[in-house]
């Protein structure tokens, strides 16, 4: 039941984000009477691959005395953009001290933001704000396996036509298969930076009227 509530809350929040983006976009398009200004808006379509590095924050009773550990790995995925709505699927695998591996498969749902949405902001015309949720599983160095829900939020900024830099926060709610030596629930949070290479990247131009 907790996993269901987390998933529903995640996608409900994204629906509100998408509606707000569309409303702001329409407002800007109807307010300009001068000659159209053509600005590049990057499309987030296609396959991508990259690496990530960050920290995992556990409860005090997890593992050794240190409840914060370095974590990093690789990710691969695919995006499909429809107007400003971006849907996608991503898989990743990460490694850390005392963790043999931590993997996930997640859906992503977000909004591409450009000059017509956040004019003069640091996001410019090449950013993606998204929510993500899915299934995660892993194993520690002692052979204890765990699986369950993972969900979070992220933002990516296109540095150039095929390279983006992002920041992503994920919450893991896992259950172990060893209830004798370990707690049944393993909940933790990760915050990681992402560098992504877009293998089939393209862009289009929107005329602001």
Protein backbone atom coordinates (compact mmCIF):
# COMPACT_ATOMS: atom_id res chain seq x y z
CA UNK A 1 0.00 0.00 0.00
CA UNK A 2 2.86 2.41 0.80
CA UNK A 3 4.48 1.76 -2.60
CA UNK A 4 1.14 2.37 -4.37
CA UNK A 5 0.64 5.69 -2.56
CA UNK A 6 4.18 6.81 -3.43
CA UNK A 7 3.66 5.97 -7.11
CA UNK A 8 0.31 7.75 -7.30
CA UNK A 9 1.71 10.84 -5.57
CA UNK A 10 4.65 10.92 -7.97
CA UNK A 11 2.56 10.92 -11.13
CA UNK A 12 -0.06 13.28 -9.68
CA UNK A 13 2.66 15.84 -9.03
CA UNK A 14 3.96 15.48 -12.57
CA UNK A 15 0.49 16.01 -14.03
CA UNK A 16 0.33 19.37 -12.26
CA UNK A 17 3.78 20.28 -13.56
CA UNK A 18 2.77 19.51 -17.14
CA UNK A 19 -0.44 21.58 -16.93
CA UNK A 20 1.47 24.54 -15.50
CA UNK A 21 4.07 24.33 -18.27
CA UNK A 22 1.41 24.30 -20.97
CA UNK A 23 -0.44 27.27 -19.47
CA UNK A 24 2.74 29.33 -19.21
CA UNK A 25 3.69 28.44 -22.78
CA UNK A 26 0.34 29.64 -24.16
CA UNK A 27 0.57 32.86 -22.20
CA UNK A 28 3.95 33.75 -23.65
CA UNK A 29 3.02 32.86 -27.20
CA UNK A 30 0.08 35.27 -27.22
CA UNK A 31 1.97 38.29 -25.84
CA UNK A 32 4.42 39.16 -28.62
CA UNK A 33 3.49 41.42 -31.58
CA UNK A 34 6.93 42.04 -33.06
CA UNK A 35 8.63 39.96 -35.68
CA UNK A 36 8.93 36.30 -34.60
CA UNK A 37 12.18 35.50 -32.82
CA UNK A 38 13.42 32.04 -33.65
CA UNK A 39 15.13 30.32 -30.74
CA UNK A 40 16.50 26.78 -30.67
CA UNK A 41 14.60 24.34 -28.47
CA UNK A 42 16.29 21.01 -27.95
CA UNK A 43 14.23 17.88 -28.45
CA UNK A 44 14.84 15.11 -25.91
CA UNK A 45 14.16 12.24 -28.33
CA UNK A 46 16.33 9.18 -28.66
CA UNK A 47 18.73 6.83 -26.91
CA UNK A 48 21.18 8.04 -24.28
CA UNK A 49 23.94 6.61 -22.07
CA UNK A 50 25.96 8.11 -19.25
CA UNK A 51 27.50 7.93 -15.81
CA UNK A 52 26.51 9.20 -12.39
CA UNK A 53 28.23 9.87 -9.07
CA UNK A 54 26.85 10.93 -5.72
CA UNK A 55 26.02 9.90 -2.17
CA UNK A 56 23.63 7.46 -0.51
CA UNK A 57 22.12 8.38 2.87
CA UNK A 58 21.07 5.50 5.14
CA UNK A 59 19.54 5.23 8.60
CA UNK A 60 22.02 5.22 11.46
CA UNK A 61 21.53 1.50 12.02
CA UNK A 62 22.56 0.49 8.50
CA UNK A 63 25.93 -1.18 7.98
CA UNK A 64 28.93 0.37 9.75
CA UNK A 65 29.12 3.58 11.75
CA UNK A 66 29.06 5.78 8.63
CA UNK A 67 25.50 6.22 7.32
CA UNK A 68 26.56 8.18 4.20
CA UNK A 69 28.51 6.44 1.44
CA UNK A 70 29.80 7.29 -2.02
CA UNK A 71 27.83 5.67 -4.85
CA UNK A 72 28.24 5.73 -8.62
CA UNK A 73 27.44 3.84 -11.77
CA UNK A 74 26.08 3.97 -15.30
CA UNK A 75 22.66 4.55 -16.84
CA UNK A 76 21.05 3.99 -20.23
CA UNK A 77 17.63 4.96 -21.52
CA UNK A 78 15.30 6.22 -24.21
CA UNK A 79 13.16 9.37 -24.40
CA UNK A 80 10.17 10.28 -26.55
CA UNK A 81 9.07 13.92 -26.66
CA UNK A 82 5.51 14.94 -27.57
CA UNK A 83 5.24 18.73 -27.64
CA UNK A 84 6.73 19.59 -24.22
CA UNK A 85 5.82 16.29 -22.60
CA UNK A 86 8.74 13.84 -22.35
CA UNK A 87 8.21 10.16 -21.56
CA UNK A 88 10.96 7.60 -21.25
CA UNK A 89 12.40 4.44 -19.77
CA UNK A 90 15.73 4.18 -17.98
CA UNK A 91 17.86 1.39 -16.48
CA UNK A 92 20.86 1.89 -14.23
CA UNK A 93 23.34 -0.06 -12.13
CA UNK A 94 25.35 1.46 -9.28
CA UNK A 95 28.12 0.34 -6.94
CA UNK A 96 29.26 1.41 -3.49
CA UNK A 97 31.14 0.24 -0.42
CA UNK A 98 29.38 -2.80 1.08
CA UNK A 99 27.01 -2.88 -1.92
CA UNK A 100 27.83 -5.43 -4.61
CA UNK A 101 25.35 -3.78 -6.98
CA UNK A 102 22.17 -1.69 -6.96
CA UNK A 103 20.06 -1.67 -10.14
CA UNK A 104 16.74 -0.22 -11.21
CA UNK A 105 14.35 0.04 -14.14
CA UNK A 106 12.28 3.23 -14.05
CA UNK A 107 9.71 5.11 -16.10
CA UNK A 108 10.36 8.83 -16.54
CA UNK A 109 7.76 11.53 -17.14
CA UNK A 110 8.70 15.17 -17.45
CA UNK A 111 8.39 18.55 -19.12
CA UNK A 112 10.87 20.16 -21.51
CA UNK A 113 11.23 23.84 -20.66
CA UNK A 114 12.42 26.56 -23.05
CA UNK A 115 12.39 30.29 -23.63
CA UNK A 116 8.60 30.32 -23.94
CA UNK A 117 8.26 28.73 -20.48
CA UNK A 118 11.08 30.16 -18.36
CA UNK A 119 12.33 33.22 -20.21
CA UNK A 120 15.64 34.68 -18.96
CA UNK A 121 16.08 31.89 -16.41
CA UNK A 122 19.28 29.90 -15.98
CA UNK A 123 17.49 26.95 -17.59
CA UNK A 124 17.52 28.76 -20.94
CA UNK A 125 15.90 26.76 -23.73
CA UNK A 126 17.39 23.34 -23.14
CA UNK A 127 16.26 21.85 -19.83
CA UNK A 128 14.20 18.86 -18.73
CA UNK A 129 12.41 18.56 -15.38
CA UNK A 130 11.10 15.07 -14.63
CA UNK A 131 9.73 12.61 -12.10
CA UNK A 132 10.68 8.95 -12.16
CA UNK A 133 9.46 5.74 -10.53
CA UNK A 134 10.01 2.01 -10.92
CA UNK A 135 11.50 -1.21 -9.59
CA UNK A 136 14.89 -1.56 -7.86
CA UNK A 137 16.90 -4.53 -6.68
CA UNK A 138 20.40 -5.21 -5.36
CA UNK A 139 22.76 -7.28 -3.26
CA UNK A 140 25.31 -6.37 -0.60
CA UNK A 141 28.78 -7.83 -0.08
CA UNK A 142 27.34 -10.41 2.33
CA UNK A 143 25.01 -11.90 -0.27
CA UNK A 144 21.83 -10.38 1.18
CA UNK A 145 19.42 -9.44 -1.63
CA UNK A 146 16.73 -6.75 -1.55
CA UNK A 147 14.14 -5.37 -3.94
CA UNK A 148 11.24 -2.91 -4.02
CA UNK A 149 10.18 0.59 -5.03
CA UNK A 150 12.34 3.50 -6.20
CA UNK A 151 11.11 6.98 -7.11
CA UNK A 152 12.35 10.53 -7.30
CA UNK A 153 12.84 13.74 -9.22
CA UNK A 154 15.53 15.15 -11.47
CA UNK A 155 16.59 18.00 -13.72
CA UNK A 156 18.86 17.98 -16.78
CA UNK A 157 20.47 20.87 -18.64
CA UNK A 158 21.72 20.46 -22.22
CA UNK A 159 25.33 21.69 -22.36
CA UNK A 160 25.61 21.12 -26.09
CA UNK A 161 23.58 19.28 -28.73
CA UNK A 162 24.49 15.79 -27.49
CA UNK A 163 25.68 16.25 -23.88
CA UNK A 164 23.61 17.05 -20.78
CA UNK A 165 24.41 17.53 -17.11
CA UNK A 166 21.85 16.66 -14.45
CA UNK A 167 21.05 16.27 -10.77
CA UNK A 168 18.77 13.49 -9.53
CA UNK A 169 17.38 12.49 -6.14
CA UNK A 170 15.99 8.98 -5.63
CA UNK A 171 14.23 7.35 -2.67
CA UNK A 172 14.54 3.57 -2.30
CA UNK A 173 12.06 1.50 -0.25
CA UNK A 174 13.42 -2.07 -0.37
CA UNK A 175 12.79 -5.30 1.49
CA UNK A 176 15.50 -7.88 2.14
CA UNK A 177 15.22 -11.63 1.69
CA UNK A 178 17.16 -12.28 4.93
CA UNK A 179 15.00 -11.46 7.94
CA UNK A 180 17.25 -13.14 10.49
CA UNK A 181 20.43 -11.09 10.26
CA UNK A 182 19.10 -7.87 8.70
CA UNK A 183 16.13 -5.56 9.11
CA UNK A 184 13.20 -6.39 6.86
CA UNK A 185 13.03 -2.85 5.42
CA UNK A 186 15.93 -0.94 3.89
CA UNK A 187 14.98 2.66 3.12
CA UNK A 188 17.52 5.19 1.89
CA UNK A 189 17.98 8.24 -0.32
CA UNK A 190 20.53 8.97 -3.03
CA UNK A 191 21.58 12.29 -4.54
CA UNK A 192 23.75 12.07 -7.63
CA UNK A 193 25.10 14.15 -10.49
CA UNK A 194 24.64 12.78 -14.02
CA UNK A 195 26.62 13.27 -17.23
CA UNK A 196 24.71 11.93 -20.24
CA UNK A 197 25.58 11.47 -23.91
CA UNK A 198 22.63 11.51 -26.32
CA UNK A 199 23.32 9.10 -29.16
CA UNK A 200 20.40 10.04 -31.41
CA UNK A 201 19.84 13.64 -30.39
CA UNK A 202 18.03 16.28 -32.45
CA UNK A 203 16.57 19.74 -32.00
CA UNK A 204 13.89 21.93 -33.53
CA UNK A 205 13.13 25.66 -33.55
CA UNK A 206 10.06 27.30 -32.03
CA UNK A 207 8.98 30.72 -33.27
CA UNK A 208 7.89 32.92 -30.37
CA UNK A 209 4.98 35.06 -31.48
